[in-house]
Amino acid sequence: MGIGGDRGDSSAVRSPARLASASLRAMDSEELQERIGAFASWDYLFEFNGGVRTPARDRGRVNRHAQRRNHFFEPLLALFGGTLQGRRVLDLGCSAGFWALAAIDAGAEFVLGLDLSLEHLEQAELVFAAKHVDPARYRFEQADVLAHEIREEFDVVLCLGLLDHIPKPVELFERMAATGAEALVVDTAISRSRASIFEVSRLYKAADVPGDGLVLIPSRAAMADLARRVDMRCVPLALNVTHWAGMQDYRRRRRLAFICARTLHLEGLAREPAPSTLPWWVKDPRALTSV
């Protein structure tokens, strides 16, 4: 996960998929399935022509990404009139390119995906080649979000599952705002505190994140303060979830998505109500089964 530089940056991925893009675009279904199977695991379900798909066996995770699209991606599209046509999108911590591809499908002119994991970036390259996306419309780079300078401007920044994986959320917000983006979409773990605080936590797995795994988890009020510090307003998006499989952290009010903007009109976005003063387990005792 990270932020890289221009096209000449040495951090740009030189994956087998990128180097063999021509052959990738000409490969048949059997070869594509073989290339997909060469990876140890896939976190996202991608479907291709010929019935080929990635082996996303966890149906809860598949539902999770569908529900997350309803939670933050559809509101983003609504904010821009139903399309990202002509927009430049920066996807921080892009993983296998699921949301970068969603941006392309929504009409984005260009997407830059950044991630610390080379394997994830190679998956993203394979997906985009197999989907026959014009190479001029995207780029993937291996980069550390806290160590690389932002050298390009973007209209939209996607920060999905990244803010809660780094030790410097204030610096990350400054970097995102410096892109000149009209909108920041942030999906993050949150503290249940009603005050503006950051909870100190430690990741179970820190191999693919910068630092040693010690992170700061913001409260809803802290998110508003982070946005205000870079002259943006922040809306906590409504949890319009239709099925809770794979969504336990959202159900326990430990995760939420936000859209931040300077000049865009956010009043039309459905807001998640302020949390109840009752303990979360009293309000929804069924959620205890997933703790």
Protein backbone atom coordinates (compact mmCIF):
# COMPACT_ATOMS: atom_id res chain seq x y z
CA MET A 1 0.00 0.00 0.00
CA GLY A 2 1.45 3.40 -0.83
CA ILE A 3 1.77 6.45 -2.99
CA GLY A 4 4.16 6.56 -5.89
CA GLY A 5 5.39 9.12 -8.35
CA ASP A 6 5.22 9.79 -12.08
CA ARG A 7 5.67 7.32 -14.90
CA GLY A 8 9.41 7.46 -14.51
CA ASP A 9 9.33 6.39 -10.84
CA SER A 10 11.51 3.35 -10.15
CA SER A 11 8.76 1.94 -7.93
CA ALA A 12 6.56 1.17 -10.94
CA VAL A 13 5.74 -2.51 -11.17
CA ARG A 14 7.60 -4.53 -13.75
CA SER A 15 5.53 -7.67 -13.24
CA PRO A 16 5.45 -10.66 -15.59
CA ALA A 17 1.90 -9.66 -16.48
CA ARG A 18 2.94 -6.14 -17.56
CA LEU A 19 5.99 -7.33 -19.45
CA ALA A 20 3.91 -9.89 -21.36
CA SER A 21 0.77 -7.78 -21.77
CA ALA A 22 0.42 -8.59 -25.46
CA SER A 23 0.44 -12.33 -24.86
CA LEU A 24 -1.88 -11.92 -21.87
CA ARG A 25 -4.47 -10.21 -24.01
CA ALA A 26 -4.30 -13.00 -26.56
CA MET A 27 -4.47 -15.91 -24.08
CA ASP A 28 -7.36 -18.34 -24.14
CA SER A 29 -9.59 -19.34 -21.23
CA GLU A 30 -7.48 -22.36 -20.31
CA GLU A 31 -4.30 -20.29 -20.07
CA LEU A 32 -6.05 -17.58 -18.07
CA GLN A 33 -7.34 -20.15 -15.58
CA GLU A 34 -3.83 -21.55 -15.29
CA ARG A 35 -2.37 -18.11 -14.58
CA ILE A 36 -5.06 -17.45 -12.00
CA GLY A 37 -4.30 -20.75 -10.31
CA ALA A 38 -0.60 -19.89 -10.06
CA PHE A 39 -1.40 -17.48 -7.21
CA ALA A 40 -1.68 -18.92 -3.70
CA SER A 41 -4.97 -17.13 -2.97
CA TRP A 42 -7.39 -14.44 -4.18
CA ASP A 43 -9.29 -12.03 -1.93
CA TYR A 44 -11.76 -10.93 -4.60
CA LEU A 45 -14.07 -12.64 -7.06
CA PHE A 46 -13.37 -11.68 -10.67
CA GLU A 47 -15.32 -13.21 -13.55
CA PHE A 48 -14.08 -13.32 -17.13
CA ASN A 49 -15.33 -14.49 -20.51
CA GLY A 50 -15.54 -18.24 -21.04
CA GLY A 51 -16.74 -18.92 -17.50
CA VAL A 52 -13.30 -18.26 -15.98
CA ARG A 53 -13.27 -16.86 -12.46
CA THR A 54 -10.91 -16.37 -9.54
CA PRO A 55 -11.23 -18.94 -6.72
CA ALA A 56 -12.90 -16.75 -4.10
CA ARG A 57 -14.30 -19.58 -1.97
CA ASP A 58 -15.38 -17.49 1.02
CA ARG A 59 -18.95 -16.50 0.15
CA GLY A 60 -18.97 -14.10 3.10
CA ARG A 61 -16.13 -12.13 1.53
CA VAL A 62 -17.89 -12.10 -1.84
CA ASN A 63 -21.01 -10.70 -0.17
CA ARG A 64 -18.84 -8.24 1.79
CA HIS A 65 -17.51 -6.62 -1.36
CA ALA A 66 -20.99 -6.44 -2.91
CA GLN A 67 -22.32 -4.74 0.22
CA ARG A 68 -19.34 -2.38 0.36
CA ARG A 69 -20.10 -1.31 -3.19
CA ASN A 70 -23.59 -0.30 -2.03
CA HIS A 71 -22.11 1.37 1.04
CA PHE A 72 -19.54 3.69 -0.53
CA PHE A 73 -19.04 3.19 -4.28
CA GLU A 74 -22.63 3.83 -5.37
CA PRO A 75 -22.80 7.03 -3.26
CA LEU A 76 -19.53 8.14 -4.89
CA LEU A 77 -21.04 7.64 -8.34
CA ALA A 78 -24.20 9.49 -7.29
CA LEU A 79 -22.05 12.41 -6.16
CA PHE A 80 -20.65 12.68 -9.69
CA GLY A 81 -23.96 12.24 -11.50
CA GLY A 82 -23.76 8.46 -11.88
CA THR A 83 -20.40 8.25 -13.67
CA LEU A 84 -16.67 8.84 -13.22
CA GLN A 85 -16.36 9.80 -16.88
CA GLY A 86 -13.20 11.83 -17.44
CA ARG A 87 -12.05 11.53 -13.82
CA ARG A 88 -8.59 10.52 -12.66
CA VAL A 89 -8.68 8.10 -9.74
CA LEU A 90 -5.97 7.21 -7.21
CA ASP A 91 -6.54 3.86 -5.48
CA LEU A 92 -4.40 3.56 -2.35
CA GLY A 93 -3.77 0.01 -1.17
CA CYS A 94 -5.34 -1.27 -4.39
CA SER A 95 -4.74 -4.99 -3.72
CA ALA A 96 -5.80 -7.03 -6.78
CA GLY A 97 -7.44 -4.02 -8.45
CA PHE A 98 -11.09 -4.72 -7.58
CA TRP A 99 -12.04 -1.09 -6.90
CA ALA A 100 -9.68 0.23 -9.57
CA LEU A 101 -11.57 -1.92 -12.07
CA ALA A 102 -14.88 -0.66 -10.68
CA ALA A 103 -13.65 2.90 -11.35
CA ILE A 104 -12.67 1.98 -14.92
CA ASP A 105 -16.06 0.34 -15.49
CA ALA A 106 -17.66 3.56 -14.17
CA GLY A 107 -15.89 5.54 -16.91
CA ALA A 108 -12.74 6.79 -15.16
CA GLU A 109 -10.25 8.22 -17.63
CA PHE A 110 -7.23 6.90 -15.70
CA VAL A 111 -6.57 4.92 -12.53
CA LEU A 112 -3.32 4.66 -10.60
CA GLY A 113 -3.27 1.74 -8.17
CA LEU A 114 -0.66 1.60 -5.42
CA ASP A 115 0.13 -1.25 -3.06
CA LEU A 116 3.06 -2.59 -1.06
CA SER A 117 2.45 -6.21 -2.08
CA LEU A 118 4.02 -7.21 -5.39
CA GLU A 119 1.81 -10.31 -5.57
CA HIS A 120 -1.35 -8.20 -5.31
CA LEU A 121 -0.09 -5.90 -8.05
CA GLU A 122 0.68 -8.83 -10.33
CA GLN A 123 -2.87 -10.06 -9.77
CA ALA A 124 -4.18 -6.60 -10.68
CA GLU A 125 -2.09 -6.55 -13.86
CA LEU A 126 -3.45 -9.97 -14.83
CA VAL A 127 -7.05 -8.92 -14.17
CA PHE A 128 -6.79 -5.72 -16.19
CA ALA A 129 -5.08 -7.49 -19.10
CA ALA A 130 -7.68 -10.28 -19.09
CA LYS A 131 -10.43 -7.63 -19.02
CA HIS A 132 -8.81 -5.96 -22.05
CA VAL A 133 -8.53 -2.57 -20.35
CA ASP A 134 -6.55 -0.10 -22.48
CA PRO A 135 -3.06 0.12 -20.85
CA ALA A 136 -3.14 3.90 -21.31
CA ARG A 137 -5.99 4.06 -18.77
CA TYR A 138 -4.19 2.52 -15.80
CA ARG A 139 -0.91 1.96 -14.01
CA PHE A 140 0.03 -0.10 -10.96
CA GLU A 141 3.02 0.68 -8.76
CA GLN A 142 4.62 -0.85 -5.71
CA ALA A 143 5.01 1.92 -3.13
CA ASP A 144 4.90 2.83 0.56
CA VAL A 145 2.14 5.37 1.22
CA LEU A 146 4.23 7.20 3.84
CA ALA A 147 7.50 7.26 1.91
CA HIS A 148 6.67 8.46 -1.61
CA GLU A 149 5.87 11.94 -2.83
CA ILE A 150 2.61 12.61 -4.68
CA ARG A 151 3.52 14.04 -8.08
CA GLU A 152 0.22 13.81 -9.95
CA GLU A 153 -3.21 15.30 -9.54
CA PHE A 154 -6.39 13.25 -9.19
CA ASP A 155 -10.10 13.92 -8.99
CA VAL A 156 -10.95 11.03 -6.66
CA VAL A 157 -8.88 9.20 -4.05
CA LEU A 158 -9.97 5.76 -2.83
CA CYS A 159 -8.56 4.90 0.60
CA LEU A 160 -10.25 1.59 1.33
CA GLY A 161 -8.95 -0.45 4.24
CA LEU A 162 -5.72 1.57 4.42
CA LEU A 163 -6.17 4.34 6.99
CA ASP A 164 -6.45 1.77 9.78
CA HIS A 165 -3.30 0.00 8.55
CA ILE A 166 -0.81 2.83 9.01
CA PRO A 167 0.65 4.68 12.03
CA LYS A 168 0.26 8.22 10.62
CA PRO A 169 -3.35 8.96 9.60
CA VAL A 170 -2.86 12.74 9.79
CA GLU A 171 0.00 12.61 7.29
CA LEU A 172 -2.02 10.32 5.02
CA PHE A 173 -4.89 12.84 4.92
CA GLU A 174 -2.45 15.59 4.03
CA ARG A 175 -1.07 13.51 1.17
CA MET A 176 -4.51 12.68 -0.15
CA ALA A 177 -5.61 16.32 -0.01
CA ALA A 178 -2.42 17.38 -1.81
CA THR A 179 -3.57 15.51 -4.94
CA GLY A 180 -6.22 18.20 -5.44
CA ALA A 181 -8.97 15.56 -5.34
CA GLU A 182 -12.60 16.65 -5.36
CA ALA A 183 -13.55 13.66 -3.22
CA LEU A 184 -11.84 11.26 -0.83
CA VAL A 185 -13.53 7.93 -0.08
CA VAL A 186 -12.28 6.42 3.16
CA ASP A 187 -13.41 3.01 4.41
CA THR A 188 -11.82 2.26 7.77
CA ALA A 189 -12.08 0.55 11.11
CA ILE A 190 -13.35 3.04 13.68
CA SER A 191 -13.34 3.51 17.43
CA ARG A 192 -16.73 3.43 19.13
CA SER A 193 -15.76 6.45 21.24
CA ARG A 194 -17.97 9.51 20.83
CA ALA A 195 -14.94 11.76 21.44
CA SER A 196 -12.37 12.74 18.81
CA ILE A 197 -9.71 10.13 19.54
CA PHE A 198 -7.46 7.54 17.96
CA GLU A 199 -7.26 4.05 19.48
CA VAL A 200 -3.82 2.46 19.44
CA SER A 201 -3.99 -1.06 18.01
CA ARG A 202 -1.70 -3.65 16.48
CA LEU A 203 -2.33 -5.60 13.29
CA TYR A 204 -2.38 -9.37 13.38
CA LYS A 205 -0.53 -9.41 10.04
CA ALA A 206 1.85 -6.58 9.20
CA ALA A 207 3.80 -8.07 6.30
CA ASP A 208 2.12 -5.99 3.58
CA VAL A 209 1.88 -2.64 5.38
CA PRO A 210 4.42 0.07 6.18
CA GLY A 211 5.79 0.16 9.71
CA ASP A 212 5.71 -2.50 12.41
CA GLY A 213 1.95 -3.02 12.56
CA LEU A 214 1.19 -0.47 15.29
CA VAL A 215 -1.74 1.59 13.99
CA LEU A 216 -4.17 4.35 15.03
CA ILE A 217 -7.92 3.72 14.69
CA PRO A 218 -10.01 6.92 14.39
CA SER A 219 -13.40 7.60 15.93
CA ARG A 220 -16.15 9.17 13.80
CA ALA A 221 -15.40 12.54 15.39
CA ALA A 222 -11.69 12.12 14.63
CA MET A 223 -12.53 11.48 10.97
CA ALA A 224 -14.44 14.76 10.87
CA ASP A 225 -11.45 16.54 12.43
CA LEU A 226 -9.03 14.97 9.96
CA ALA A 227 -11.17 16.20 7.07
CA ARG A 228 -11.60 19.67 8.62
CA ARG A 229 -7.83 19.98 8.99
CA VAL A 230 -7.44 19.81 5.18
CA ASP A 231 -10.44 22.12 4.59
CA MET A 232 -12.89 19.33 3.76
CA ARG A 233 -16.27 18.28 5.06
CA CYS A 234 -16.91 14.65 5.92
CA VAL A 235 -20.07 12.52 5.70
CA PRO A 236 -20.36 9.11 7.43
CA LEU A 237 -22.20 7.03 4.84
CA ALA A 238 -25.37 5.11 5.66
CA LEU A 239 -24.98 1.36 6.15
CA ASN A 240 -27.60 0.24 3.64
CA VAL A 241 -26.70 -3.44 4.09
CA THR A 242 -29.07 -6.08 2.69
CA HIS A 243 -27.15 -9.13 3.95
CA TRP A 244 -24.71 -9.19 6.87
CA ALA A 245 -22.58 -12.20 5.84
CA GLY A 246 -18.93 -11.12 6.02
CA MET A 247 -19.93 -7.73 7.45
CA GLN A 248 -19.54 -8.37 11.19
CA ASP A 249 -17.21 -5.41 11.79
CA TYR A 250 -19.71 -3.02 10.20
CA ARG A 251 -22.56 -4.59 12.16
CA ARG A 252 -20.69 -4.08 15.43
CA ARG A 253 -20.15 -0.43 14.46
CA ARG A 254 -16.42 -1.02 14.26
CA ARG A 255 -16.11 -0.07 10.59
CA LEU A 256 -17.63 2.65 8.41
CA ALA A 257 -17.04 4.50 5.16
CA PHE A 258 -16.86 8.27 4.71
CA ILE A 259 -16.81 10.67 1.76
CA CYS A 260 -14.84 13.90 2.24
CA ALA A 261 -14.94 16.89 -0.11
CA ARG A 262 -14.16 20.59 -0.29
CA THR A 263 -16.72 22.00 -2.72
CA LEU A 264 -19.00 19.13 -3.74
CA HIS A 265 -22.50 19.17 -2.31
CA LEU A 266 -22.64 16.29 0.20
CA GLU A 267 -26.11 17.10 1.52
CA GLY A 268 -27.78 14.54 -0.74
CA LEU A 269 -25.77 11.62 0.62
CA ALA A 270 -27.55 9.31 3.06
CA ARG A 271 -25.79 9.62 6.42
CA GLU A 272 -25.28 6.94 9.04
CA PRO A 273 -27.06 8.10 12.22
CA ALA A 274 -24.96 9.02 15.23
CA PRO A 275 -24.23 5.95 17.36
CA SER A 276 -26.55 5.18 20.24
CA THR A 277 -25.42 5.87 23.77
CA LEU A 278 -26.39 2.27 24.56
CA PRO A 279 -23.60 -0.34 24.33
CA TRP A 280 -23.46 -1.93 20.88
CA TRP A 281 -24.19 -5.40 22.30
CA VAL A 282 -27.42 -4.16 23.92
CA LYS A 283 -28.60 -2.50 20.72
CA ASP A 284 -27.88 -5.62 18.62
CA PRO A 285 -27.25 -8.68 20.83
CA ARG A 286 -27.17 -10.94 17.76
CA ALA A 287 -23.85 -9.36 16.84
CA LEU A 288 -22.31 -11.05 19.89
CA THR A 289 -22.33 -14.32 17.98
CA SER A 290 -19.71 -12.93 15.59
CA VAL A 291 -17.31 -11.48 18.20
